[in-house]
PDB file of N, CA and C in Angstrom:
ATOM      1  N   UNK A   1     -46.919-104.761 -32.176  1.00  0.00           N
ATOM      2  CA  UNK A   1     -48.350-104.623 -32.177  1.00  0.00           C
ATOM      3  C   UNK A   1     -48.885-104.587 -33.595  1.00  0.00           C
ATOM      4  N   UNK A   2     -50.171-104.649 -33.736  1.00  0.00           N
ATOM      5  CA  UNK A   2     -50.791-104.611 -35.055  1.00  0.00           C
ATOM      6  C   UNK A   2     -50.621-103.243 -35.714  1.00  0.00           C
ATOM      7  N   UNK A   3     -50.640-103.238 -37.020  1.00  0.00           N
ATOM      8  CA  UNK A   3     -50.556-101.988 -37.766  1.00  0.00           C
ATOM      9  C   UNK A   3     -51.871-101.227 -37.612  1.00  0.00           C
ATOM     10  N   UNK A   4     -51.782 -99.952 -37.336  1.00  0.00           N
ATOM     11  CA  UNK A   4     -52.959 -99.109 -37.166  1.00  0.00           C
ATOM     12  C   UNK A   4     -52.876 -97.988 -38.194  1.00  0.00           C
ATOM     13  N   UNK A   5     -53.964 -97.768 -38.918  1.00  0.00           N
ATOM     14  CA  UNK A   5     -53.979 -96.665 -39.873  1.00  0.00           C
ATOM     15  C   UNK A   5     -54.343 -95.362 -39.151  1.00  0.00           C
ATOM     16  N   UNK A   6     -54.346 -94.265 -39.890  1.00  0.00           N
ATOM     17  CA  UNK A   6     -54.630 -92.960 -39.303  1.00  0.00           C
ATOM     18  C   UNK A   6     -55.998 -92.875 -38.649  1.00  0.00           C
ATOM     19  N   UNK A   7     -56.994 -93.465 -39.285  1.00  0.00           N
ATOM     20  CA  UNK A   7     -58.356 -93.431 -38.733  1.00  0.00           C
ATOM     21  C   UNK A   7     -58.432 -94.223 -37.432  1.00  0.00           C
ATOM     22  N   UNK A   8     -57.786 -95.385 -37.404  1.00  0.00           N
ATOM     23  CA  UNK A   8     -57.796 -96.209 -36.203  1.00  0.00           C
ATOM     24  C   UNK A   8     -57.082 -95.537 -35.047  1.00  0.00           C
ATOM     25  N   UNK A   9     -55.954 -94.912 -35.339  1.00  0.00           N
ATOM     26  CA  UNK A   9     -55.207 -94.208 -34.295  1.00  0.00           C
ATOM     27  C   UNK A   9     -56.017 -93.030 -33.760  1.00  0.00           C
ATOM     28  N   UNK A  10     -56.716 -92.335 -34.648  1.00  0.00           N
ATOM     29  CA  UNK A  10     -57.576 -91.226 -34.224  1.00  0.00           C
ATOM     30  C   UNK A  10     -58.668 -91.722 -33.283  1.00  0.00           C
ATOM     31  N   UNK A  11     -59.303 -92.812 -33.658  1.00  0.00           N
ATOM     32  CA  UNK A  11     -60.376 -93.369 -32.833  1.00  0.00           C
ATOM     33  C   UNK A  11     -59.845 -93.790 -31.459  1.00  0.00           C
ATOM     34  N   UNK A  12     -58.711 -94.465 -31.425  1.00  0.00           N
ATOM     35  CA  UNK A  12     -58.123 -94.851 -30.142  1.00  0.00           C
ATOM     36  C   UNK A  12     -57.792 -93.624 -29.288  1.00  0.00           C
ATOM     37  N   UNK A  13     -57.293 -92.582 -29.923  1.00  0.00           N
ATOM     38  CA  UNK A  13     -56.990 -91.350 -29.205  1.00  0.00           C
ATOM     39  C   UNK A  13     -58.250 -90.785 -28.555  1.00  0.00           C
ATOM     40  N   UNK A  14     -59.308 -90.712 -29.326  1.00  0.00           N
ATOM     41  CA  UNK A  14     -60.573 -90.189 -28.814  1.00  0.00           C
ATOM     42  C   UNK A  14     -61.080 -91.042 -27.645  1.00  0.00           C
ATOM     43  N   UNK A  15     -61.038 -92.352 -27.803  1.00  0.00           N
ATOM     44  CA  UNK A  15     -61.531 -93.243 -26.754  1.00  0.00           C
ATOM     45  C   UNK A  15     -60.747 -93.077 -25.460  1.00  0.00           C
ATOM     46  N   UNK A  16     -59.421 -92.988 -25.566  1.00  0.00           N
ATOM     47  CA  UNK A  16     -58.604 -92.802 -24.368  1.00  0.00           C
ATOM     48  C   UNK A  16     -58.805 -91.421 -23.759  1.00  0.00           C
ATOM     49  N   UNK A  17     -58.984 -90.424 -24.584  1.00  0.00           N
ATOM     50  CA  UNK A  17     -59.193 -89.072 -24.070  1.00  0.00           C
ATOM     51  C   UNK A  17     -60.532 -88.962 -23.336  1.00  0.00           C
ATOM     52  N   UNK A  18     -61.553 -89.561 -23.899  1.00  0.00           N
ATOM     53  CA  UNK A  18     -62.897 -89.455 -23.331  1.00  0.00           C
ATOM     54  C   UNK A  18     -63.220 -90.557 -22.322  1.00  0.00           C
ATOM     55  N   UNK A  19     -62.405 -91.602 -22.267  1.00  0.00           N
ATOM     56  CA  UNK A  19     -62.666 -92.702 -21.356  1.00  0.00           C
ATOM     57  C   UNK A  19     -63.858 -93.548 -21.788  1.00  0.00           C
ATOM     58  N   UNK A  20     -64.023 -93.699 -23.079  1.00  0.00           N
ATOM     59  CA  UNK A  20     -65.134 -94.491 -23.628  1.00  0.00           C
ATOM     60  C   UNK A  20     -64.679 -95.931 -23.824  1.00  0.00           C
ATOM     61  N   UNK A  21     -65.126 -96.821 -22.947  1.00  0.00           N
ATOM     62  CA  UNK A  21     -64.777 -98.235 -23.063  1.00  0.00           C
ATOM     63  C   UNK A  21     -63.404 -98.581 -22.521  1.00  0.00           C
ATOM     64  N   UNK A  22     -62.634 -97.570 -22.166  1.00  0.00           N
ATOM     65  CA  UNK A  22     -61.295 -97.754 -21.585  1.00  0.00           C
ATOM     66  C   UNK A  22     -61.122 -96.701 -20.489  1.00  0.00           C
ATOM     67  N   UNK A  23     -60.153 -96.925 -19.630  1.00  0.00           N
ATOM     68  CA  UNK A  23     -59.841 -95.909 -18.623  1.00  0.00           C
ATOM     69  C   UNK A  23     -59.252 -94.682 -19.318  1.00  0.00           C
ATOM     70  N   UNK A  24     -59.599 -93.522 -18.842  1.00  0.00           N
ATOM     71  CA  UNK A  24     -59.034 -92.284 -19.382  1.00  0.00           C
ATOM     72  C   UNK A  24     -57.518 -92.315 -19.216  1.00  0.00           C
ATOM     73  N   UNK A  25     -56.817 -92.011 -20.304  1.00  0.00           N
ATOM     74  CA  UNK A  25     -55.352 -92.010 -20.274  1.00  0.00           C
ATOM     75  C   UNK A  25     -54.874 -90.950 -21.248  1.00  0.00           C
ATOM     76  N   UNK A  26     -54.527 -89.791 -20.708  1.00  0.00           N
ATOM     77  CA  UNK A  26     -54.139 -88.661 -21.556  1.00  0.00           C
ATOM     78  C   UNK A  26     -52.849 -88.923 -22.333  1.00  0.00           C
ATOM     79  N   UNK A  27     -51.925 -89.677 -21.753  1.00  0.00           N
ATOM     80  CA  UNK A  27     -50.686 -89.979 -22.468  1.00  0.00           C
ATOM     81  C   UNK A  27     -50.950 -90.860 -23.687  1.00  0.00           C
ATOM     82  N   UNK A  28     -51.784 -91.884 -23.516  1.00  0.00           N
ATOM     83  CA  UNK A  28     -52.133 -92.730 -24.655  1.00  0.00           C
ATOM     84  C   UNK A  28     -52.944 -91.947 -25.682  1.00  0.00           C
ATOM     85  N   UNK A  29     -53.835 -91.091 -25.208  1.00  0.00           N
ATOM     86  CA  UNK A  29     -54.627 -90.269 -26.134  1.00  0.00           C
ATOM     87  C   UNK A  29     -53.702 -89.413 -26.994  1.00  0.00           C
ATOM     88  N   UNK A  30     -52.733 -88.771 -26.370  1.00  0.00           N
ATOM     89  CA  UNK A  30     -51.798 -87.932 -27.114  1.00  0.00           C
ATOM     90  C   UNK A  30     -50.930 -88.760 -28.051  1.00  0.00           C
ATOM     91  N   UNK A  31     -50.476 -89.904 -27.593  1.00  0.00           N
ATOM     92  CA  UNK A  31     -49.618 -90.765 -28.420  1.00  0.00           C
ATOM     93  C   UNK A  31     -50.364 -91.236 -29.676  1.00  0.00           C
ATOM     94  N   UNK A  32     -51.625 -91.674 -29.503  1.00  0.00           N
ATOM     95  CA  UNK A  32     -52.392 -92.138 -30.661  1.00  0.00           C
ATOM     96  C   UNK A  32     -52.783 -90.980 -31.584  1.00  0.00           C
ATOM     97  N   UNK A  33     -53.042 -89.818 -31.017  1.00  0.00           N
ATOM     98  CA  UNK A  33     -53.341 -88.651 -31.858  1.00  0.00           C
ATOM     99  C   UNK A  33     -52.106 -88.286 -32.685  1.00  0.00           C
ATOM    100  N   UNK A  34     -50.942 -88.335 -32.065  1.00  0.00           N
ATOM    101  CA  UNK A  34     -49.700 -88.041 -32.790  1.00  0.00           C
ATOM    102  C   UNK A  34     -49.478 -89.060 -33.907  1.00  0.00           C
ATOM    103  N   UNK A  35     -49.746 -90.323 -33.634  1.00  0.00           N
ATOM    104  CA  UNK A  35     -49.613 -91.356 -34.657  1.00  0.00           C
ATOM    105  C   UNK A  35     -50.568 -91.089 -35.812  1.00  0.00           C
ATOM    106  N   UNK A  36     -51.797 -90.737 -35.500  1.00  0.00           N
ATOM    107  CA  UNK A  36     -52.778 -90.432 -36.536  1.00  0.00           C
ATOM    108  C   UNK A  36     -52.325 -89.239 -37.374  1.00  0.00           C
ATOM    109  N   UNK A  37     -51.814 -88.211 -36.705  1.00  0.00           N
ATOM    110  CA  UNK A  37     -51.331 -87.024 -37.422  1.00  0.00           C
ATOM    111  C   UNK A  37     -50.161 -87.380 -38.337  1.00  0.00           C
ATOM    112  N   UNK A  38     -49.266 -88.210 -37.845  1.00  0.00           N
ATOM    113  CA  UNK A  38     -48.110 -88.620 -38.661  1.00  0.00           C
ATOM    114  C   UNK A  38     -48.529 -89.442 -39.877  1.00  0.00           C
ATOM    115  N   UNK A  39     -49.681 -90.096 -39.765  1.00  0.00           N
ATOM    116  CA  UNK A  39     -50.192 -90.882 -40.888  1.00  0.00           C
ATOM    117  C   UNK A  39     -51.043 -90.014 -41.822  1.00  0.00           C
ATOM    118  N   UNK A  40     -50.994 -88.702 -41.599  1.00  0.00           N
ATOM    119  CA  UNK A  40     -51.611 -87.719 -42.480  1.00  0.00           C
ATOM    120  C   UNK A  40     -53.138 -87.790 -42.491  1.00  0.00           C
ATOM    121  N   UNK A  41     -53.739 -88.222 -41.379  1.00  0.00           N
ATOM    122  CA  UNK A  41     -55.192 -88.273 -41.243  1.00  0.00           C
ATOM    123  C   UNK A  41     -55.642 -86.910 -40.722  1.00  0.00           C
ATOM    124  N   UNK A  42     -56.424 -86.148 -41.483  1.00  0.00           N
ATOM    125  CA  UNK A  42     -56.754 -84.775 -41.086  1.00  0.00           C
ATOM    126  C   UNK A  42     -57.453 -84.661 -39.728  1.00  0.00           C
ATOM    127  N   UNK A  43     -58.366 -85.570 -39.422  1.00  0.00           N
ATOM    128  CA  UNK A  43     -59.020 -85.522 -38.107  1.00  0.00           C
ATOM    129  C   UNK A  43     -58.001 -85.768 -36.999  1.00  0.00           C
ATOM    130  N   UNK A  44     -57.034 -86.623 -37.260  1.00  0.00           N
ATOM    131  CA  UNK A  44     -55.974 -86.883 -36.294  1.00  0.00           C
ATOM    132  C   UNK A  44     -55.059 -85.689 -36.124  1.00  0.00           C
ATOM    133  N   UNK A  45     -54.757 -85.007 -37.217  1.00  0.00           N
ATOM    134  CA  UNK A  45     -53.937 -83.802 -37.136  1.00  0.00           C
ATOM    135  C   UNK A  45     -54.639 -82.739 -36.299  1.00  0.00           C
ATOM    136  N   UNK A  46     -55.935 -82.603 -36.522  1.00  0.00           N
ATOM    137  CA  UNK A  46     -56.716 -81.647 -35.743  1.00  0.00           C
ATOM    138  C   UNK A  46     -56.741 -82.051 -34.268  1.00  0.00           C
ATOM    139  N   UNK A  47     -57.029 -83.311 -33.998  1.00  0.00           N
ATOM    140  CA  UNK A  47     -57.166 -83.771 -32.615  1.00  0.00           C
ATOM    141  C   UNK A  47     -55.832 -83.704 -31.873  1.00  0.00           C
ATOM    142  N   UNK A  48     -54.756 -84.000 -32.573  1.00  0.00           N
ATOM    143  CA  UNK A  48     -53.426 -83.888 -31.966  1.00  0.00           C
ATOM    144  C   UNK A  48     -53.180 -82.439 -31.546  1.00  0.00           C
ATOM    145  N   UNK A  49     -53.482 -81.508 -32.426  1.00  0.00           N
ATOM    146  CA  UNK A  49     -53.313 -80.092 -32.098  1.00  0.00           C
ATOM    147  C   UNK A  49     -54.207 -79.702 -30.925  1.00  0.00           C
ATOM    148  N   UNK A  50     -55.448 -80.159 -30.956  1.00  0.00           N
ATOM    149  CA  UNK A  50     -56.391 -79.864 -29.871  1.00  0.00           C
ATOM    150  C   UNK A  50     -55.845 -80.347 -28.526  1.00  0.00           C
ATOM    151  N   UNK A  51     -55.350 -81.578 -28.493  1.00  0.00           N
ATOM    152  CA  UNK A  51     -54.813 -82.116 -27.241  1.00  0.00           C
ATOM    153  C   UNK A  51     -53.575 -81.357 -26.786  1.00  0.00           C
ATOM    154  N   UNK A  52     -52.729 -80.973 -27.731  1.00  0.00           N
ATOM    155  CA  UNK A  52     -51.547 -80.185 -27.367  1.00  0.00           C
ATOM    156  C   UNK A  52     -51.955 -78.834 -26.785  1.00  0.00           C
ATOM    157  N   UNK A  53     -52.900 -78.170 -27.435  1.00  0.00           N
ATOM    158  CA  UNK A  53     -53.344 -76.863 -26.955  1.00  0.00           C
ATOM    159  C   UNK A  53     -54.044 -76.978 -25.607  1.00  0.00           C
ATOM    160  N   UNK A  54     -54.739 -78.067 -25.385  1.00  0.00           N
ATOM    161  CA  UNK A  54     -55.433 -78.292 -24.120  1.00  0.00           C
ATOM    162  C   UNK A  54     -54.451 -78.363 -22.947  1.00  0.00           C
ATOM    163  N   UNK A  55     -53.241 -78.816 -23.210  1.00  0.00           N
ATOM    164  CA  UNK A  55     -52.231 -78.916 -22.149  1.00  0.00           C
ATOM    165  C   UNK A  55     -51.735 -77.546 -21.706  1.00  0.00           C
ATOM    166  N   UNK A  56     -51.947 -76.537 -22.513  1.00  0.00           N
ATOM    167  CA  UNK A  56     -51.554 -75.153 -22.222  1.00  0.00           C
ATOM    168  C   UNK A  56     -50.071 -75.025 -21.904  1.00  0.00           C
ATOM    169  N   UNK A  57     -49.257 -75.733 -22.690  1.00  0.00           N
ATOM    170  CA  UNK A  57     -47.813 -75.656 -22.565  1.00  0.00           C
ATOM    171  C   UNK A  57     -47.301 -74.859 -23.767  1.00  0.00           C
ATOM    172  N   UNK A  58     -46.723 -73.691 -23.539  1.00  0.00           N
ATOM    173  CA  UNK A  58     -46.270 -72.859 -24.661  1.00  0.00           C
ATOM    174  C   UNK A  58     -45.329 -73.579 -25.630  1.00  0.00           C
ATOM    175  N   UNK A  59     -44.603 -74.575 -25.144  1.00  0.00           N
ATOM    176  CA  UNK A  59     -43.688 -75.310 -26.029  1.00  0.00           C
ATOM    177  C   UNK A  59     -44.439 -76.127 -27.072  1.00  0.00           C
ATOM    178  N   UNK A  60     -45.714 -76.426 -26.822  1.00  0.00           N
ATOM    179  CA  UNK A  60     -46.516 -77.230 -27.747  1.00  0.00           C
ATOM    180  C   UNK A  60     -47.178 -76.404 -28.847  1.00  0.00           C
ATOM    181  N   UNK A  61     -47.165 -75.085 -28.706  1.00  0.00           N
ATOM    182  CA  UNK A  61     -47.946 -74.237 -29.595  1.00  0.00           C
ATOM    183  C   UNK A  61     -47.521 -74.365 -31.054  1.00  0.00           C
ATOM    184  N   UNK A  62     -46.249 -74.313 -31.340  1.00  0.00           N
ATOM    185  CA  UNK A  62     -45.785 -74.389 -32.725  1.00  0.00           C
ATOM    186  C   UNK A  62     -46.178 -75.724 -33.364  1.00  0.00           C
ATOM    187  N   UNK A  63     -45.982 -76.812 -32.648  1.00  0.00           N
ATOM    188  CA  UNK A  63     -46.364 -78.132 -33.164  1.00  0.00           C
ATOM    189  C   UNK A  63     -47.860 -78.191 -33.420  1.00  0.00           C
ATOM    190  N   UNK A  64     -48.638 -77.639 -32.498  1.00  0.00           N
ATOM    191  CA  UNK A  64     -50.092 -77.625 -32.667  1.00  0.00           C
ATOM    192  C   UNK A  64     -50.488 -76.831 -33.904  1.00  0.00           C
ATOM    193  N   UNK A  65     -49.890 -75.677 -34.091  1.00  0.00           N
ATOM    194  CA  UNK A  65     -50.206 -74.859 -35.268  1.00  0.00           C
ATOM    195  C   UNK A  65     -49.823 -75.570 -36.564  1.00  0.00           C
ATOM    196  N   UNK A  66     -48.692 -76.228 -36.569  1.00  0.00           N
ATOM    197  CA  UNK A  66     -48.276 -76.974 -37.756  1.00  0.00           C
ATOM    198  C   UNK A  66     -49.244 -78.108 -38.059  1.00  0.00           C
ATOM    199  N   UNK A  67     -49.701 -78.789 -37.036  1.00  0.00           N
ATOM    200  CA  UNK A  67     -50.638 -79.889 -37.223  1.00  0.00           C
ATOM    201  C   UNK A  67     -51.990 -79.371 -37.712  1.00  0.00           C
ATOM    202  N   UNK A  68     -52.435 -78.258 -37.153  1.00  0.00           N
ATOM    203  CA  UNK A  68     -53.684 -77.644 -37.621  1.00  0.00           C
ATOM    204  C   UNK A  68     -53.572 -77.216 -39.080  1.00  0.00           C
ATOM    205  N   UNK A  69     -52.433 -76.639 -39.441  1.00  0.00           N
ATOM    206  CA  UNK A  69     -52.244 -76.202 -40.829  1.00  0.00           C
ATOM    207  C   UNK A  69     -52.252 -77.386 -41.776  1.00  0.00           C
ATOM    208  N   UNK A  70     -51.652 -78.493 -41.364  1.00  0.00           N
ATOM    209  CA  UNK A  70     -51.650 -79.691 -42.205  1.00  0.00           C
ATOM    210  C   UNK A  70     -53.075 -80.186 -42.426  1.00  0.00           C
ATOM    211  N   UNK A  71     -53.893 -80.151 -41.381  1.00  0.00           N
ATOM    212  CA  UNK A  71     -55.296 -80.565 -41.522  1.00  0.00           C
ATOM    213  C   UNK A  71     -56.068 -79.573 -42.383  1.00  0.00           C
ATOM    214  N   UNK A  72     -55.822 -78.290 -42.173  1.00  0.00           N
ATOM    215  CA  UNK A  72     -56.501 -77.259 -42.967  1.00  0.00           C
ATOM    216  C   UNK A  72     -56.122 -77.381 -44.444  1.00  0.00           C
ATOM    217  N   UNK A  73     -54.889 -77.752 -44.715  1.00  0.00           N
ATOM    218  CA  UNK A  73     -54.456 -77.939 -46.102  1.00  0.00           C
ATOM    219  C   UNK A  73     -55.202 -79.076 -46.789  1.00  0.00           C
ATOM    220  N   UNK A  74     -55.807 -79.939 -45.985  1.00  0.00           N
ATOM    221  CA  UNK A  74     -56.625 -81.029 -46.529  1.00  0.00           C
ATOM    222  C   UNK A  74     -58.119 -80.692 -46.425  1.00  0.00           C
ATOM    223  N   UNK A  75     -58.389 -79.403 -46.253  1.00  0.00           N
ATOM    224  CA  UNK A  75     -59.760 -78.881 -46.200  1.00  0.00           C
ATOM    225  C   UNK A  75     -60.551 -79.385 -45.006  1.00  0.00           C
ATOM    226  N   UNK A  76     -59.898 -79.618 -43.891  1.00  0.00           N
ATOM    227  CA  UNK A  76     -60.584 -80.021 -42.663  1.00  0.00           C
ATOM    228  C   UNK A  76     -61.091 -78.744 -41.993  1.00  0.00           C
ATOM    229  N   UNK A  77     -62.398 -78.523 -42.059  1.00  0.00           N
ATOM    230  CA  UNK A  77     -62.989 -77.245 -41.669  1.00  0.00           C
ATOM    231  C   UNK A  77     -62.773 -76.890 -40.204  1.00  0.00           C
ATOM    232  N   UNK A  78     -62.847 -77.853 -39.307  1.00  0.00           N
ATOM    233  CA  UNK A  78     -62.622 -77.548 -37.894  1.00  0.00           C
ATOM    234  C   UNK A  78     -61.217 -76.995 -37.670  1.00  0.00           C
ATOM    235  N   UNK A  79     -60.250 -77.513 -38.387  1.00  0.00           N
ATOM    236  CA  UNK A  79     -58.875 -77.017 -38.274  1.00  0.00           C
ATOM    237  C   UNK A  79     -58.785 -75.598 -38.810  1.00  0.00           C
ATOM    238  N   UNK A  80     -59.442 -75.337 -39.922  1.00  0.00           N
ATOM    239  CA  UNK A  80     -59.434 -73.984 -40.483  1.00  0.00           C
ATOM    240  C   UNK A  80     -60.045 -72.989 -39.500  1.00  0.00           C
ATOM    241  N   UNK A  81     -61.146 -73.379 -38.878  1.00  0.00           N
ATOM    242  CA  UNK A  81     -61.818 -72.491 -37.914  1.00  0.00           C
ATOM    243  C   UNK A  81     -60.946 -72.237 -36.690  1.00  0.00           C
ATOM    244  N   UNK A  82     -60.336 -73.285 -36.171  1.00  0.00           N
ATOM    245  CA  UNK A  82     -59.497 -73.114 -34.992  1.00  0.00           C
ATOM    246  C   UNK A  82     -58.274 -72.261 -35.314  1.00  0.00           C
ATOM    247  N   UNK A  83     -57.701 -72.447 -36.468  1.00  0.00           N
ATOM    248  CA  UNK A  83     -56.568 -71.609 -36.878  1.00  0.00           C
ATOM    249  C   UNK A  83     -56.956 -70.139 -36.918  1.00  0.00           C
ATOM    250  N   UNK A  84     -58.144 -69.852 -37.409  1.00  0.00           N
ATOM    251  CA  UNK A  84     -58.605 -68.459 -37.485  1.00  0.00           C
ATOM    252  C   UNK A  84     -58.728 -67.844 -36.097  1.00  0.00           C
ATOM    253  N   UNK A  85     -59.161 -68.626 -35.123  1.00  0.00           N
ATOM    254  CA  UNK A  85     -59.300 -68.074 -33.768  1.00  0.00           C
ATOM    255  C   UNK A  85     -57.950 -67.875 -33.083  1.00  0.00           C
ATOM    256  N   UNK A  86     -56.938 -68.642 -33.514  1.00  0.00           N
ATOM    257  CA  UNK A  86     -55.620 -68.546 -32.888  1.00  0.00           C
ATOM    258  C   UNK A  86     -54.750 -67.459 -33.503  1.00  0.00           C
ATOM    259  N   UNK A  87     -55.137 -66.976 -34.633  1.00  0.00           N
ATOM    260  CA  UNK A  87     -54.323 -65.944 -35.317  1.00  0.00           C
ATOM    261  C   UNK A  87     -54.708 -64.568 -34.917  1.00  0.00           C
TER     262      UNK A  87
END
């Protein structure tokens, strides 16, 4: 497939999660959010954590916190705020 940068992967994640222009697909939303996070895109790191936490699976919590911290380290304010509520 074509190369997708962090911003593009974040956008695809959002579209699949919200069902905007495509059928809602939580697996694709999570996969694209993870790709965005791996590409060090702060909004993607935040959204990946958000989607993990939304699943309410305790096994996802550590990964979500790490992703939020990575976004917060890049001064992504939403990640900083969410981290404060989780601590």
